[in-house]
Amino acid sequence: MANQANSLAHTKWNCKCHIVFTPKYRRKVIYYQYRDDLREFIKQLCSFKGVRIIEGHMMPDHVHLLVEIPPKLAVSAFVGYLKGKSALMMFDKHANLKYKFGNRHFWAIGYYVSTVGLNEKTIAKYIRDQEKKDITEDKLSVREYEDPFHENRKPNK
């Protein structure tokens, strides 16, 4: 899993983040009836943004996600999108929550994020393989410089 890299047009990437966020006042609403709906909303929103959920767990008073986020998407922008849209979706599906959470604030302000890095061996292997690849490509594309405007003829005497 550590050596698996995704790709965009000019980028190879492996960006994994552990994200934790809580409902307002740490209410234990992510339990029983709202748990399944919230899980589906988060899956749906992640797929819209091209974010892959590696692991996820709904605790009674917080959410844990291990996600793979493309580098074109900022982590803060993604978490803001995820919390904002999932709150609106929850209030649309469960109208009674509007009265428990004043002003449609379902999630508490802030979140925790930690990047999940690669180990040293994987990075060393990547650097070695990248150097070998560059050398191979250089050997394939080596051509001596030829001046297209100068012909290699013997001078006339």
C-alpha atoms as a PDB file:
ATOM      1  CA  MET A   1       0.000   0.000   0.000  1.00  0.00           C
ATOM      2  CA  ALA A   2       2.862   2.378   0.770  1.00  0.00           C
ATOM      3  CA  ASN A   3       4.399   2.076  -2.681  1.00  0.00           C
ATOM      4  CA  GLN A   4       1.111   2.588  -4.509  1.00  0.00           C
ATOM      5  CA  ALA A   5       1.059   5.987  -6.182  1.00  0.00           C
ATOM      6  CA  ASN A   6      -1.807   7.708  -7.937  1.00  0.00           C
ATOM      7  CA  SER A   7      -1.254  10.050 -10.826  1.00  0.00           C
ATOM      8  CA  LEU A   8      -2.572  13.246 -12.309  1.00  0.00           C
ATOM      9  CA  ALA A   9      -1.376  14.791 -15.575  1.00  0.00           C
ATOM     10  CA  HIS A  10       2.160  15.600 -14.366  1.00  0.00           C
ATOM     11  CA  THR A  11       2.131  14.306 -10.807  1.00  0.00           C
ATOM     12  CA  LYS A  12       2.610  11.056  -8.945  1.00  0.00           C
ATOM     13  CA  TRP A  13       1.090  11.326  -5.489  1.00  0.00           C
ATOM     14  CA  ASN A  14       0.293   9.456  -2.338  1.00  0.00           C
ATOM     15  CA  CYS A  15      -1.351  11.949   0.051  1.00  0.00           C
ATOM     16  CA  LYS A  16      -3.084  10.344   3.006  1.00  0.00           C
ATOM     17  CA  CYS A  17      -4.582  12.232   5.937  1.00  0.00           C
ATOM     18  CA  HIS A  18      -6.158  11.196   9.225  1.00  0.00           C
ATOM     19  CA  ILE A  19      -9.047  13.603   9.935  1.00  0.00           C
ATOM     20  CA  VAL A  20     -11.153  13.853  13.098  1.00  0.00           C
ATOM     21  CA  PHE A  21     -14.088  16.211  13.631  1.00  0.00           C
ATOM     22  CA  THR A  22     -16.910  16.444  16.172  1.00  0.00           C
ATOM     23  CA  PRO A  23     -20.553  17.522  16.311  1.00  0.00           C
ATOM     24  CA  LYS A  24     -21.378  20.812  18.010  1.00  0.00           C
ATOM     25  CA  TYR A  25     -21.040  20.530  21.797  1.00  0.00           C
ATOM     26  CA  ARG A  26     -19.811  16.952  21.228  1.00  0.00           C
ATOM     27  CA  ARG A  27     -23.375  15.740  21.299  1.00  0.00           C
ATOM     28  CA  LYS A  28     -23.698  12.020  20.838  1.00  0.00           C
ATOM     29  CA  VAL A  29     -25.840  12.316  17.710  1.00  0.00           C
ATOM     30  CA  ILE A  30     -23.666  10.067  15.549  1.00  0.00           C
ATOM     31  CA  TYR A  31     -25.319   7.079  17.062  1.00  0.00           C
ATOM     32  CA  TYR A  32     -28.377   4.969  16.267  1.00  0.00           C
ATOM     33  CA  GLN A  33     -30.632   6.739  13.726  1.00  0.00           C
ATOM     34  CA  TYR A  34     -28.244   9.313  12.194  1.00  0.00           C
ATOM     35  CA  ARG A  35     -25.184   7.107  11.865  1.00  0.00           C
ATOM     36  CA  ASP A  36     -26.123   5.352   8.605  1.00  0.00           C
ATOM     37  CA  ASP A  37     -27.316   8.558   6.922  1.00  0.00           C
ATOM     38  CA  LEU A  38     -24.167  10.422   7.891  1.00  0.00           C
ATOM     39  CA  ARG A  39     -21.985   7.574   6.624  1.00  0.00           C
ATOM     40  CA  GLU A  40     -23.727   7.652   3.248  1.00  0.00           C
ATOM     41  CA  PHE A  41     -23.489  11.449   3.001  1.00  0.00           C
ATOM     42  CA  ILE A  42     -19.757  11.399   3.725  1.00  0.00           C
ATOM     43  CA  LYS A  43     -19.141   8.607   1.177  1.00  0.00           C
ATOM     44  CA  GLN A  44     -21.123  10.501  -1.441  1.00  0.00           C
ATOM     45  CA  LEU A  45     -19.344  13.823  -0.817  1.00  0.00           C
ATOM     46  CA  CYS A  46     -15.921  12.179  -0.889  1.00  0.00           C
ATOM     47  CA  SER A  47     -16.660  10.532  -4.216  1.00  0.00           C
ATOM     48  CA  PHE A  48     -17.772  13.897  -5.658  1.00  0.00           C
ATOM     49  CA  LYS A  49     -14.347  15.386  -4.868  1.00  0.00           C
ATOM     50  CA  GLY A  50     -12.302  12.343  -5.917  1.00  0.00           C
ATOM     51  CA  VAL A  51     -11.265  11.544  -2.350  1.00  0.00           C
ATOM     52  CA  ARG A  52     -10.873   7.869  -1.470  1.00  0.00           C
ATOM     53  CA  ILE A  53     -11.853   6.725   2.004  1.00  0.00           C
ATOM     54  CA  ILE A  54      -9.330   4.161   3.210  1.00  0.00           C
ATOM     55  CA  GLU A  55     -10.766   3.768   6.697  1.00  0.00           C
ATOM     56  CA  GLY A  56     -13.589   5.469   8.507  1.00  0.00           C
ATOM     57  CA  HIS A  57     -15.276   5.088  11.841  1.00  0.00           C
ATOM     58  CA  MET A  58     -18.300   6.839  13.340  1.00  0.00           C
ATOM     59  CA  MET A  59     -17.918   7.164  17.079  1.00  0.00           C
ATOM     60  CA  PRO A  60     -20.898   8.399  19.157  1.00  0.00           C
ATOM     61  CA  ASP A  61     -19.406  11.887  19.468  1.00  0.00           C
ATOM     62  CA  HIS A  62     -16.816  12.198  16.656  1.00  0.00           C
ATOM     63  CA  VAL A  63     -15.819  10.959  13.196  1.00  0.00           C
ATOM     64  CA  HIS A  64     -12.474   9.382  12.227  1.00  0.00           C
ATOM     65  CA  LEU A  65     -11.484   9.294   8.561  1.00  0.00           C
ATOM     66  CA  LEU A  66      -8.328   8.065   6.865  1.00  0.00           C
ATOM     67  CA  VAL A  67      -8.581   9.502   3.374  1.00  0.00           C
ATOM     68  CA  GLU A  68      -6.444   9.841   0.275  1.00  0.00           C
ATOM     69  CA  ILE A  69      -6.795  13.423  -0.972  1.00  0.00           C
ATOM     70  CA  PRO A  70      -5.492  14.508  -4.406  1.00  0.00           C
ATOM     71  CA  PRO A  71      -2.850  17.267  -4.188  1.00  0.00           C
ATOM     72  CA  LYS A  72      -4.984  19.583  -6.313  1.00  0.00           C
ATOM     73  CA  LEU A  73      -7.395  19.777  -3.363  1.00  0.00           C
ATOM     74  CA  ALA A  74      -6.386  21.535  -0.133  1.00  0.00           C
ATOM     75  CA  VAL A  75      -7.100  19.578   3.043  1.00  0.00           C
ATOM     76  CA  SER A  76      -8.730  22.612   4.698  1.00  0.00           C
ATOM     77  CA  ALA A  77     -10.967  23.200   1.669  1.00  0.00           C
ATOM     78  CA  PHE A  78     -11.982  19.545   1.614  1.00  0.00           C
ATOM     79  CA  VAL A  79     -12.815  19.404   5.337  1.00  0.00           C
ATOM     80  CA  GLY A  80     -14.803  22.648   5.061  1.00  0.00           C
ATOM     81  CA  TYR A  81     -16.716  21.225   2.103  1.00  0.00           C
ATOM     82  CA  LEU A  82     -17.305  17.897   3.857  1.00  0.00           C
ATOM     83  CA  LYS A  83     -18.545  19.428   7.109  1.00  0.00           C
ATOM     84  CA  GLY A  84     -20.649  22.120   5.431  1.00  0.00           C
ATOM     85  CA  LYS A  85     -22.402  19.938   2.876  1.00  0.00           C
ATOM     86  CA  SER A  86     -22.938  17.012   5.238  1.00  0.00           C
ATOM     87  CA  ALA A  87     -24.574  19.379   7.775  1.00  0.00           C
ATOM     88  CA  LEU A  88     -26.929  20.729   5.116  1.00  0.00           C
ATOM     89  CA  MET A  89     -27.757  17.206   3.977  1.00  0.00           C
ATOM     90  CA  MET A  90     -28.467  16.121   7.563  1.00  0.00           C
ATOM     91  CA  PHE A  91     -30.769  19.099   8.180  1.00  0.00           C
ATOM     92  CA  ASP A  92     -32.604  18.453   4.897  1.00  0.00           C
ATOM     93  CA  LYS A  93     -33.204  14.793   5.729  1.00  0.00           C
ATOM     94  CA  HIS A  94     -33.868  15.231   9.466  1.00  0.00           C
ATOM     95  CA  ALA A  95     -35.808  18.461   9.969  1.00  0.00           C
ATOM     96  CA  ASN A  96     -36.051  17.927  13.741  1.00  0.00           C
ATOM     97  CA  LEU A  97     -32.282  18.502  14.079  1.00  0.00           C
ATOM     98  CA  LYS A  98     -32.753  22.181  13.186  1.00  0.00           C
ATOM     99  CA  TYR A  99     -34.255  22.783  16.603  1.00  0.00           C
ATOM    100  CA  LYS A 100     -31.515  20.936  18.492  1.00  0.00           C
ATOM    101  CA  PHE A 101     -28.729  22.711  16.605  1.00  0.00           C
ATOM    102  CA  GLY A 102     -29.442  26.432  16.405  1.00  0.00           C
ATOM    103  CA  ASN A 103     -28.556  28.281  13.193  1.00  0.00           C
ATOM    104  CA  ARG A 104     -27.889  25.024  11.306  1.00  0.00           C
ATOM    105  CA  HIS A 105     -24.481  24.420  12.898  1.00  0.00           C
ATOM    106  CA  PHE A 106     -24.172  20.647  13.051  1.00  0.00           C
ATOM    107  CA  TRP A 107     -20.376  20.356  13.378  1.00  0.00           C
ATOM    108  CA  ALA A 108     -18.111  22.059  15.911  1.00  0.00           C
ATOM    109  CA  ILE A 109     -15.612  24.620  14.655  1.00  0.00           C
ATOM    110  CA  GLY A 110     -12.261  23.110  13.760  1.00  0.00           C
ATOM    111  CA  TYR A 111     -10.895  19.648  13.125  1.00  0.00           C
ATOM    112  CA  TYR A 112      -7.772  17.552  13.650  1.00  0.00           C
ATOM    113  CA  VAL A 113      -5.629  16.451  10.718  1.00  0.00           C
ATOM    114  CA  SER A 114      -2.431  14.449  10.565  1.00  0.00           C
ATOM    115  CA  THR A 115      -0.565  13.413   7.432  1.00  0.00           C
ATOM    116  CA  VAL A 116       0.335   9.778   7.020  1.00  0.00           C
ATOM    117  CA  GLY A 117       3.839   9.583   5.535  1.00  0.00           C
ATOM    118  CA  LEU A 118       5.931   6.943   3.899  1.00  0.00           C
ATOM    119  CA  ASN A 119       8.762   5.168   5.606  1.00  0.00           C
ATOM    120  CA  GLU A 120      12.423   5.761   4.825  1.00  0.00           C
ATOM    121  CA  LYS A 121      12.901   2.519   2.869  1.00  0.00           C
ATOM    122  CA  THR A 122      10.077   3.348   0.500  1.00  0.00           C
ATOM    123  CA  ILE A 123      11.451   6.828  -0.136  1.00  0.00           C
ATOM    124  CA  ALA A 124      14.971   5.462  -0.697  1.00  0.00           C
ATOM    125  CA  LYS A 125      13.620   2.883  -3.162  1.00  0.00           C
ATOM    126  CA  TYR A 126      11.665   5.578  -5.002  1.00  0.00           C
ATOM    127  CA  ILE A 127      14.770   7.753  -5.304  1.00  0.00           C
ATOM    128  CA  ARG A 128      16.857   4.812  -6.593  1.00  0.00           C
ATOM    129  CA  ASP A 129      14.190   3.777  -9.092  1.00  0.00           C
ATOM    130  CA  GLN A 130      13.685   7.362 -10.253  1.00  0.00           C
ATOM    131  CA  GLU A 131      17.420   7.752 -10.922  1.00  0.00           C
ATOM    132  CA  LYS A 132      17.496   4.482 -12.900  1.00  0.00           C
ATOM    133  CA  LYS A 133      14.486   5.618 -14.900  1.00  0.00           C
ATOM    134  CA  ASP A 134      16.119   8.975 -15.692  1.00  0.00           C
ATOM    135  CA  ILE A 135      19.350   7.282 -16.813  1.00  0.00           C
ATOM    136  CA  THR A 136      17.417   4.894 -19.042  1.00  0.00           C
ATOM    137  CA  GLU A 137      15.455   7.735 -20.641  1.00  0.00           C
ATOM    138  CA  ASP A 138      18.644   9.734 -21.200  1.00  0.00           C
ATOM    139  CA  LYS A 139      20.274   6.795 -22.974  1.00  0.00           C
ATOM    140  CA  LEU A 140      17.267   6.392 -25.250  1.00  0.00           C
ATOM    141  CA  SER A 141      17.181  10.050 -26.218  1.00  0.00           C
ATOM    142  CA  VAL A 142      20.904  10.743 -26.649  1.00  0.00           C
ATOM    143  CA  ARG A 143      21.588  12.214 -30.075  1.00  0.00           C
ATOM    144  CA  GLU A 144      24.621  14.132 -31.065  1.00  0.00           C
ATOM    145  CA  TYR A 145      23.942  17.673 -32.012  1.00  0.00           C
ATOM    146  CA  GLU A 146      23.789  18.124 -35.759  1.00  0.00           C
ATOM    147  CA  ASP A 147      23.628  21.518 -37.346  1.00  0.00           C
ATOM    148  CA  PRO A 148      20.777  21.342 -39.884  1.00  0.00           C
ATOM    149  CA  PHE A 149      22.154  24.288 -41.885  1.00  0.00           C
ATOM    150  CA  HIS A 150      25.659  23.015 -42.320  1.00  0.00           C
ATOM    151  CA  GLU A 151      26.356  20.093 -44.586  1.00  0.00           C
ATOM    152  CA  ASN A 152      29.227  17.838 -43.815  1.00  0.00           C
ATOM    153  CA  ARG A 153      30.919  18.005 -47.184  1.00  0.00           C
ATOM    154  CA  LYS A 154      34.495  18.127 -48.093  1.00  0.00           C
ATOM    155  CA  PRO A 155      35.544  21.563 -49.246  1.00  0.00           C
ATOM    156  CA  ASN A 156      35.937  21.996 -53.000  1.00  0.00           C
ATOM    157  CA  LYS A 157      39.515  22.615 -54.077  1.00  0.00           C
END
